[in-house]
Amino acid sequence: MLTNEEAKYLLGLKKVLSYPNTTIDLRAKKNRVELISHQDSEYNFWIEITSNQKIILKISIDHLESNSFIGLLRIDFKGGHHNPLNIEDTLPKFLHKYADKWFDPTEAHMHIYVEGYKPLVWAIPLAETDFPTKEINTHPTYPI
């Protein structure tokens, strides 16, 4: 389990592809790419890009730790979600107004790691973040 400060630190590290010539095929249902940070080489990460019939695109950034991974951030386009009702002491103040919020599938949202909760159970509207792409209007075509 990470603290909120540790998760913020890990997210703030500049990351690059472990293998710079990696090809990402957005037609594939799942792509997983390893990332490293030259700022702090003790940590390893991966970014996973998935899509299926329910969610057009899901982008996850995970911290790899001793044969497990900890979700740090995830962005969902066209996927529903319901935030918890309970507010623990570890919940950052900016998330309080989103307690018990339901995101219907038309509202893109960003899941955030919060200490003391299940992984990535808290989300905020993507429109209220600095993520540059706010919506996706087409669905990928899958190879047969």
N, C-alpha and C. Protein backbone atom coordinates (compact mmCIF):
# COMPACT_ATOMS: atom_id res chain seq x y z
N MET A 1 0.86 -1.18 0.00
CA MET A 1 0.00 0.00 0.00
C MET A 1 0.90 1.23 0.00
N LEU A 2 0.54 2.19 -0.79
CA LEU A 2 1.27 3.46 -0.87
C LEU A 2 0.52 4.54 -0.10
N THR A 3 1.25 5.55 0.31
CA THR A 3 0.60 6.74 0.84
C THR A 3 0.21 7.62 -0.35
N ASN A 4 -0.65 8.58 -0.13
CA ASN A 4 -1.01 9.53 -1.19
C ASN A 4 0.22 10.28 -1.68
N GLU A 5 1.13 10.60 -0.77
CA GLU A 5 2.35 11.33 -1.14
C GLU A 5 3.26 10.47 -2.02
N GLU A 6 3.37 9.19 -1.69
CA GLU A 6 4.19 8.29 -2.52
C GLU A 6 3.59 8.14 -3.92
N ALA A 7 2.28 8.00 -4.00
CA ALA A 7 1.62 7.88 -5.30
C ALA A 7 1.82 9.15 -6.11
N LYS A 8 1.70 10.31 -5.48
CA LYS A 8 1.92 11.58 -6.18
C LYS A 8 3.35 11.66 -6.69
N TYR A 9 4.31 11.23 -5.88
CA TYR A 9 5.71 11.23 -6.28
C TYR A 9 5.91 10.34 -7.52
N LEU A 10 5.36 9.13 -7.47
CA LEU A 10 5.52 8.19 -8.58
C LEU A 10 4.88 8.71 -9.85
N LEU A 11 3.71 9.31 -9.73
CA LEU A 11 3.05 9.88 -10.91
C LEU A 11 3.85 11.05 -11.48
N GLY A 12 4.50 11.81 -10.61
CA GLY A 12 5.24 12.98 -11.04
C GLY A 12 6.57 12.69 -11.71
N LEU A 13 7.07 11.45 -11.57
CA LEU A 13 8.33 11.11 -12.22
C LEU A 13 8.16 11.12 -13.74
N LYS A 14 9.12 11.68 -14.44
CA LYS A 14 9.10 11.61 -15.90
C LYS A 14 9.45 10.20 -16.31
N LYS A 15 8.66 9.65 -17.21
CA LYS A 15 8.83 8.27 -17.63
C LYS A 15 9.07 8.18 -19.13
N VAL A 16 9.83 7.18 -19.52
CA VAL A 16 10.09 6.91 -20.94
C VAL A 16 9.90 5.42 -21.18
N LEU A 17 9.75 5.05 -22.44
CA LEU A 17 9.63 3.65 -22.79
C LEU A 17 10.91 2.90 -22.44
N SER A 18 10.78 1.73 -21.83
CA SER A 18 11.95 0.90 -21.54
C SER A 18 12.62 0.46 -22.83
N TYR A 19 11.79 0.19 -23.83
CA TYR A 19 12.26 -0.23 -25.15
C TYR A 19 11.73 0.79 -26.17
N PRO A 20 12.55 1.78 -26.52
CA PRO A 20 12.09 2.91 -27.33
C PRO A 20 11.46 2.55 -28.68
N ASN A 21 11.77 1.39 -29.23
CA ASN A 21 11.22 1.03 -30.54
C ASN A 21 9.96 0.18 -30.43
N THR A 22 9.32 0.19 -29.28
CA THR A 22 8.10 -0.56 -29.07
C THR A 22 6.99 -0.04 -29.99
N THR A 23 6.26 -0.96 -30.60
CA THR A 23 5.13 -0.61 -31.44
C THR A 23 3.85 -0.79 -30.64
N ILE A 24 2.99 0.20 -30.69
CA ILE A 24 1.69 0.12 -30.03
C ILE A 24 0.64 0.05 -31.11
N ASP A 25 -0.09 -1.05 -31.16
CA ASP A 25 -1.13 -1.26 -32.16
C ASP A 25 -2.48 -0.97 -31.51
N LEU A 26 -3.02 0.20 -31.74
CA LEU A 26 -4.28 0.59 -31.10
C LEU A 26 -5.47 -0.23 -31.60
N ARG A 27 -5.28 -1.05 -32.62
CA ARG A 27 -6.36 -1.96 -33.04
C ARG A 27 -6.42 -3.18 -32.14
N ALA A 28 -5.33 -3.47 -31.43
CA ALA A 28 -5.31 -4.60 -30.50
C ALA A 28 -6.16 -4.27 -29.28
N LYS A 29 -6.74 -5.29 -28.69
CA LYS A 29 -7.59 -5.06 -27.51
C LYS A 29 -6.77 -4.68 -26.29
N LYS A 30 -5.48 -5.07 -26.26
CA LYS A 30 -4.65 -4.74 -25.12
C LYS A 30 -3.21 -4.53 -25.56
N ASN A 31 -2.62 -3.43 -25.10
CA ASN A 31 -1.20 -3.15 -25.27
C ASN A 31 -0.64 -2.84 -23.89
N ARG A 32 0.47 -3.46 -23.55
CA ARG A 32 1.13 -3.17 -22.28
C ARG A 32 2.58 -2.82 -22.60
N VAL A 33 3.00 -1.66 -22.13
CA VAL A 33 4.32 -1.14 -22.45
C VAL A 33 5.04 -0.80 -21.14
N GLU A 34 6.28 -1.26 -21.01
CA GLU A 34 7.06 -0.97 -19.82
C GLU A 34 7.65 0.43 -19.89
N LEU A 35 7.64 1.10 -18.74
CA LEU A 35 8.20 2.44 -18.62
C LEU A 35 9.25 2.45 -17.53
N ILE A 36 10.22 3.34 -17.67
CA ILE A 36 11.21 3.57 -16.63
C ILE A 36 11.34 5.06 -16.40
N SER A 37 11.93 5.41 -15.28
CA SER A 37 12.21 6.81 -14.99
C SER A 37 13.69 6.97 -14.74
N HIS A 38 14.32 7.87 -15.47
CA HIS A 38 15.74 8.16 -15.24
C HIS A 38 15.91 9.02 -13.99
N GLN A 39 14.83 9.62 -13.51
CA GLN A 39 14.89 10.42 -12.29
C GLN A 39 15.04 9.54 -11.05
N ASP A 40 14.45 8.34 -11.09
CA ASP A 40 14.52 7.42 -9.95
C ASP A 40 14.42 6.00 -10.50
N SER A 41 15.56 5.39 -10.72
CA SER A 41 15.60 4.09 -11.39
C SER A 41 15.17 2.92 -10.49
N GLU A 42 14.83 3.17 -9.24
CA GLU A 42 14.36 2.10 -8.36
C GLU A 42 12.94 1.64 -8.71
N TYR A 43 12.24 2.43 -9.49
CA TYR A 43 10.84 2.13 -9.77
C TYR A 43 10.64 1.75 -11.22
N ASN A 44 9.72 0.82 -11.42
CA ASN A 44 9.32 0.40 -12.77
C ASN A 44 7.82 0.61 -12.91
N PHE A 45 7.40 0.85 -14.14
CA PHE A 45 6.00 1.15 -14.42
C PHE A 45 5.59 0.45 -15.70
N TRP A 46 4.28 0.39 -15.90
CA TRP A 46 3.80 0.06 -17.22
C TRP A 46 2.58 0.90 -17.50
N ILE A 47 2.36 1.11 -18.77
CA ILE A 47 1.14 1.76 -19.22
C ILE A 47 0.39 0.70 -20.02
N GLU A 48 -0.88 0.58 -19.74
CA GLU A 48 -1.70 -0.40 -20.44
C GLU A 48 -2.81 0.33 -21.16
N ILE A 49 -2.96 0.03 -22.43
CA ILE A 49 -3.99 0.65 -23.26
C ILE A 49 -4.91 -0.47 -23.72
N THR A 50 -6.18 -0.41 -23.31
CA THR A 50 -7.13 -1.46 -23.66
C THR A 50 -8.40 -0.85 -24.22
N SER A 51 -9.11 -1.68 -24.96
CA SER A 51 -10.44 -1.29 -25.44
C SER A 51 -11.25 -2.56 -25.60
N ASN A 52 -12.55 -2.41 -25.49
CA ASN A 52 -13.46 -3.53 -25.71
C ASN A 52 -14.82 -2.95 -26.10
N GLN A 53 -15.81 -3.78 -26.16
CA GLN A 53 -17.12 -3.31 -26.59
C GLN A 53 -17.77 -2.35 -25.59
N LYS A 54 -17.41 -2.45 -24.30
CA LYS A 54 -18.01 -1.59 -23.28
C LYS A 54 -17.26 -0.27 -23.13
N ILE A 55 -15.94 -0.33 -23.18
CA ILE A 55 -15.13 0.87 -22.98
C ILE A 55 -14.30 1.10 -24.24
N ILE A 56 -14.48 2.26 -24.88
CA ILE A 56 -13.76 2.55 -26.11
C ILE A 56 -12.26 2.56 -25.87
N LEU A 57 -11.82 3.20 -24.81
CA LEU A 57 -10.39 3.27 -24.54
C LEU A 57 -10.17 3.43 -23.05
N LYS A 58 -9.26 2.62 -22.52
CA LYS A 58 -8.89 2.70 -21.12
C LYS A 58 -7.37 2.76 -21.07
N ILE A 59 -6.85 3.77 -20.41
CA ILE A 59 -5.41 3.96 -20.30
C ILE A 59 -5.05 3.90 -18.82
N SER A 60 -4.17 2.97 -18.45
CA SER A 60 -3.79 2.80 -17.05
C SER A 60 -2.29 2.98 -16.89
N ILE A 61 -1.88 3.61 -15.80
CA ILE A 61 -0.48 3.68 -15.43
C ILE A 61 -0.33 2.97 -14.09
N ASP A 62 0.51 1.95 -14.08
CA ASP A 62 0.69 1.13 -12.89
C ASP A 62 2.14 1.14 -12.44
N HIS A 63 2.34 1.07 -11.14
CA HIS A 63 3.66 0.94 -10.54
C HIS A 63 3.89 -0.54 -10.28
N LEU A 64 5.01 -1.06 -10.76
CA LEU A 64 5.33 -2.47 -10.57
C LEU A 64 6.13 -2.63 -9.30
N GLU A 65 5.71 -3.56 -8.45
CA GLU A 65 6.38 -3.74 -7.17
C GLU A 65 6.34 -5.20 -6.76
N SER A 66 7.49 -5.83 -6.66
CA SER A 66 7.66 -7.21 -6.19
C SER A 66 6.53 -8.15 -6.62
N ASN A 67 6.49 -8.45 -7.87
CA ASN A 67 5.53 -9.39 -8.47
C ASN A 67 4.07 -8.94 -8.37
N SER A 68 3.84 -7.69 -8.15
CA SER A 68 2.47 -7.16 -8.15
C SER A 68 2.51 -5.78 -8.79
N PHE A 69 1.36 -5.20 -8.95
CA PHE A 69 1.31 -3.84 -9.47
C PHE A 69 0.28 -3.05 -8.70
N ILE A 70 0.51 -1.75 -8.65
CA ILE A 70 -0.38 -0.84 -7.95
C ILE A 70 -0.86 0.18 -8.97
N GLY A 71 -2.15 0.23 -9.20
CA GLY A 71 -2.70 1.21 -10.13
C GLY A 71 -2.55 2.61 -9.58
N LEU A 72 -1.94 3.48 -10.37
CA LEU A 72 -1.75 4.87 -9.96
C LEU A 72 -2.79 5.79 -10.58
N LEU A 73 -3.15 5.50 -11.83
CA LEU A 73 -4.05 6.40 -12.56
C LEU A 73 -4.67 5.62 -13.71
N ARG A 74 -5.92 5.89 -14.01
CA ARG A 74 -6.57 5.26 -15.16
C ARG A 74 -7.56 6.24 -15.76
N ILE A 75 -7.61 6.28 -17.06
CA ILE A 75 -8.56 7.13 -17.77
C ILE A 75 -9.50 6.23 -18.53
N ASP A 76 -10.80 6.43 -18.34
CA ASP A 76 -11.83 5.64 -19.03
C ASP A 76 -12.64 6.54 -19.95
N PHE A 77 -12.73 6.13 -21.20
CA PHE A 77 -13.63 6.76 -22.16
C PHE A 77 -14.77 5.79 -22.41
N LYS A 78 -15.99 6.22 -22.20
CA LYS A 78 -17.20 5.43 -22.45
C LYS A 78 -17.35 4.25 -21.50
N GLY A 79 -17.00 4.43 -20.25
CA GLY A 79 -17.19 3.39 -19.25
C GLY A 79 -17.85 3.98 -18.02
N GLY A 80 -18.84 3.32 -17.47
CA GLY A 80 -19.52 3.81 -16.27
C GLY A 80 -18.71 3.54 -15.01
N HIS A 81 -19.00 4.30 -13.97
CA HIS A 81 -18.29 4.13 -12.69
C HIS A 81 -19.09 4.80 -11.58
N HIS A 82 -18.97 4.24 -10.36
CA HIS A 82 -19.62 4.82 -9.19
C HIS A 82 -18.58 4.99 -8.09
N ASN A 83 -18.37 6.22 -7.62
CA ASN A 83 -17.42 6.50 -6.54
C ASN A 83 -17.99 6.06 -5.20
N PRO A 84 -17.13 5.75 -4.24
CA PRO A 84 -17.59 5.39 -2.90
C PRO A 84 -18.35 6.54 -2.24
N LEU A 85 -19.17 6.19 -1.28
CA LEU A 85 -19.90 7.19 -0.49
C LEU A 85 -19.08 7.64 0.71
N ASN A 86 -18.31 6.70 1.27
CA ASN A 86 -17.58 7.00 2.51
C ASN A 86 -16.35 7.88 2.26
N ILE A 87 -16.14 8.82 3.18
CA ILE A 87 -15.00 9.72 3.11
C ILE A 87 -14.09 9.41 4.29
N GLU A 88 -12.93 8.82 3.97
CA GLU A 88 -11.92 8.50 4.99
C GLU A 88 -11.00 9.70 5.16
N ASP A 89 -10.22 9.70 6.24
CA ASP A 89 -9.27 10.79 6.50
C ASP A 89 -8.23 10.93 5.40
N THR A 90 -7.94 9.86 4.68
CA THR A 90 -6.91 9.89 3.63
C THR A 90 -7.42 10.46 2.31
N LEU A 91 -8.73 10.69 2.19
CA LEU A 91 -9.28 11.21 0.94
C LEU A 91 -8.94 12.69 0.78
N PRO A 92 -8.22 13.05 -0.29
CA PRO A 92 -7.91 14.47 -0.50
C PRO A 92 -9.19 15.31 -0.60
N LYS A 93 -9.13 16.52 -0.10
CA LYS A 93 -10.31 17.41 -0.05
C LYS A 93 -10.95 17.61 -1.41
N PHE A 94 -10.14 17.69 -2.49
CA PHE A 94 -10.71 17.97 -3.80
C PHE A 94 -11.61 16.84 -4.30
N LEU A 95 -11.52 15.65 -3.68
CA LEU A 95 -12.37 14.54 -4.08
C LEU A 95 -13.67 14.45 -3.28
N HIS A 96 -13.77 15.18 -2.18
CA HIS A 96 -14.96 15.09 -1.32
C HIS A 96 -16.25 15.35 -2.10
N LYS A 97 -16.23 16.32 -2.99
CA LYS A 97 -17.47 16.65 -3.71
C LYS A 97 -17.90 15.55 -4.69
N TYR A 98 -17.02 14.57 -4.93
CA TYR A 98 -17.35 13.49 -5.86
C TYR A 98 -17.78 12.21 -5.13
N ALA A 99 -17.94 12.28 -3.81
CA ALA A 99 -18.40 11.11 -3.06
C ALA A 99 -19.78 10.69 -3.58
N ASP A 100 -19.95 9.41 -3.82
CA ASP A 100 -21.21 8.81 -4.30
C ASP A 100 -21.57 9.25 -5.71
N LYS A 101 -20.64 9.83 -6.45
CA LYS A 101 -20.94 10.28 -7.82
C LYS A 101 -20.98 9.09 -8.77
N TRP A 102 -21.97 9.10 -9.64
CA TRP A 102 -22.10 8.12 -10.70
C TRP A 102 -21.66 8.75 -12.01
N PHE A 103 -20.70 8.13 -12.69
CA PHE A 103 -20.28 8.54 -14.03
C PHE A 103 -20.98 7.62 -15.00
N ASP A 104 -21.85 8.18 -15.83
CA ASP A 104 -22.47 7.30 -16.82
C ASP A 104 -21.48 7.14 -17.98
N PRO A 105 -21.72 6.17 -18.85
CA PRO A 105 -20.74 5.86 -19.89
C PRO A 105 -20.41 7.01 -20.84
N THR A 106 -21.22 8.04 -20.87
CA THR A 106 -20.91 9.16 -21.76
C THR A 106 -19.96 10.17 -21.13
N GLU A 107 -19.64 10.01 -19.84
CA GLU A 107 -18.76 10.97 -19.15
C GLU A 107 -17.38 10.35 -18.92
N ALA A 108 -16.41 10.79 -19.72
CA ALA A 108 -15.04 10.30 -19.54
C ALA A 108 -14.55 10.74 -18.16
N HIS A 109 -13.75 9.89 -17.53
CA HIS A 109 -13.31 10.19 -16.18
C HIS A 109 -11.91 9.61 -15.92
N MET A 110 -11.26 10.19 -14.91
CA MET A 110 -9.91 9.77 -14.52
C MET A 110 -9.95 9.18 -13.13
N HIS A 111 -9.51 7.92 -13.01
CA HIS A 111 -9.40 7.26 -11.72
C HIS A 111 -8.07 7.63 -11.09
N ILE A 112 -8.08 7.81 -9.78
CA ILE A 112 -6.90 8.27 -9.05
C ILE A 112 -6.65 7.36 -7.86
N TYR A 113 -5.39 7.03 -7.63
CA TYR A 113 -5.02 6.26 -6.45
C TYR A 113 -5.29 7.08 -5.19
N VAL A 114 -5.95 6.47 -4.21
CA VAL A 114 -6.18 7.11 -2.92
C VAL A 114 -5.88 6.09 -1.83
N GLU A 115 -4.98 6.46 -0.95
CA GLU A 115 -4.58 5.63 0.18
C GLU A 115 -5.79 5.23 1.01
N GLY A 116 -5.84 3.95 1.39
CA GLY A 116 -6.90 3.46 2.26
C GLY A 116 -8.15 2.98 1.54
N TYR A 117 -8.16 3.03 0.22
CA TYR A 117 -9.31 2.57 -0.58
C TYR A 117 -8.85 1.47 -1.53
N LYS A 118 -9.81 0.75 -2.09
CA LYS A 118 -9.50 -0.23 -3.12
C LYS A 118 -8.81 0.50 -4.28
N PRO A 119 -7.99 -0.22 -5.04
CA PRO A 119 -7.25 0.43 -6.13
C PRO A 119 -8.16 1.14 -7.15
N LEU A 120 -7.84 2.38 -7.37
CA LEU A 120 -8.47 3.23 -8.40
C LEU A 120 -9.99 3.28 -8.31
N VAL A 121 -10.50 3.28 -7.09
CA VAL A 121 -11.95 3.31 -6.89
C VAL A 121 -12.51 4.74 -6.97
N TRP A 122 -11.63 5.75 -6.86
CA TRP A 122 -12.07 7.15 -6.94
C TRP A 122 -11.80 7.73 -8.32
N ALA A 123 -12.75 8.49 -8.84
CA ALA A 123 -12.60 9.11 -10.16
C ALA A 123 -13.09 10.55 -10.12
N ILE A 124 -12.58 11.33 -11.07
CA ILE A 124 -13.03 12.70 -11.28
C ILE A 124 -13.35 12.87 -12.76
N PRO A 125 -14.22 13.80 -13.10
CA PRO A 125 -14.52 14.02 -14.51
C PRO A 125 -13.25 14.41 -15.27
N LEU A 126 -13.04 13.81 -16.42
CA LEU A 126 -11.86 14.12 -17.22
C LEU A 126 -11.87 15.58 -17.64
N ALA A 127 -13.05 16.14 -17.80
CA ALA A 127 -13.17 17.55 -18.18
C ALA A 127 -12.55 18.49 -17.15
N GLU A 128 -12.39 18.03 -15.92
CA GLU A 128 -11.84 18.86 -14.85
C GLU A 128 -10.36 18.57 -14.59
N THR A 129 -9.71 17.88 -15.52
CA THR A 129 -8.28 17.58 -15.40
C THR A 129 -7.52 18.31 -16.49
N ASP A 130 -6.19 18.22 -16.44
CA ASP A 130 -5.39 18.83 -17.50
C ASP A 130 -5.01 17.82 -18.58
N PHE A 131 -5.62 16.63 -18.57
CA PHE A 131 -5.39 15.65 -19.64
C PHE A 131 -5.89 16.25 -20.95
N PRO A 132 -5.06 16.26 -22.00
CA PRO A 132 -5.40 17.02 -23.20
C PRO A 132 -6.58 16.49 -24.01
N THR A 133 -6.82 15.20 -24.04
CA THR A 133 -7.93 14.65 -24.82
C THR A 133 -9.11 14.45 -23.88
N LYS A 134 -10.20 15.12 -24.14
CA LYS A 134 -11.35 15.07 -23.25
C LYS A 134 -12.40 14.05 -23.68
N GLU A 135 -12.43 13.70 -24.98
CA GLU A 135 -13.41 12.73 -25.44
C GLU A 135 -12.91 12.03 -26.69
N ILE A 136 -13.47 10.85 -26.93
CA ILE A 136 -13.20 10.07 -28.14
C ILE A 136 -14.56 9.72 -28.72
N ASN A 137 -14.71 10.02 -30.00
CA ASN A 137 -16.03 9.83 -30.61
C ASN A 137 -16.16 8.64 -31.54
N THR A 138 -15.08 7.93 -31.78
CA THR A 138 -15.16 6.76 -32.67
C THR A 138 -14.68 5.54 -31.91
N HIS A 139 -15.14 4.39 -32.36
CA HIS A 139 -14.76 3.12 -31.74
C HIS A 139 -13.75 2.45 -32.65
N PRO A 140 -12.67 1.86 -32.09
CA PRO A 140 -11.68 1.19 -32.94
C PRO A 140 -12.28 0.01 -33.69
N THR A 141 -11.74 -0.26 -34.84
CA THR A 141 -12.15 -1.41 -35.63
C THR A 141 -11.20 -2.55 -35.30
N TYR A 142 -11.76 -3.68 -34.92
CA TYR A 142 -10.94 -4.82 -34.55
C TYR A 142 -10.70 -5.71 -35.76
N PRO A 143 -9.48 -6.26 -35.87
CA PRO A 143 -9.22 -7.21 -36.96
C PRO A 143 -10.01 -8.49 -36.75
N ILE A 144 -10.36 -9.13 -37.81
CA ILE A 144 -11.15 -10.39 -37.73
C ILE A 144 -10.22 -11.56 -37.53
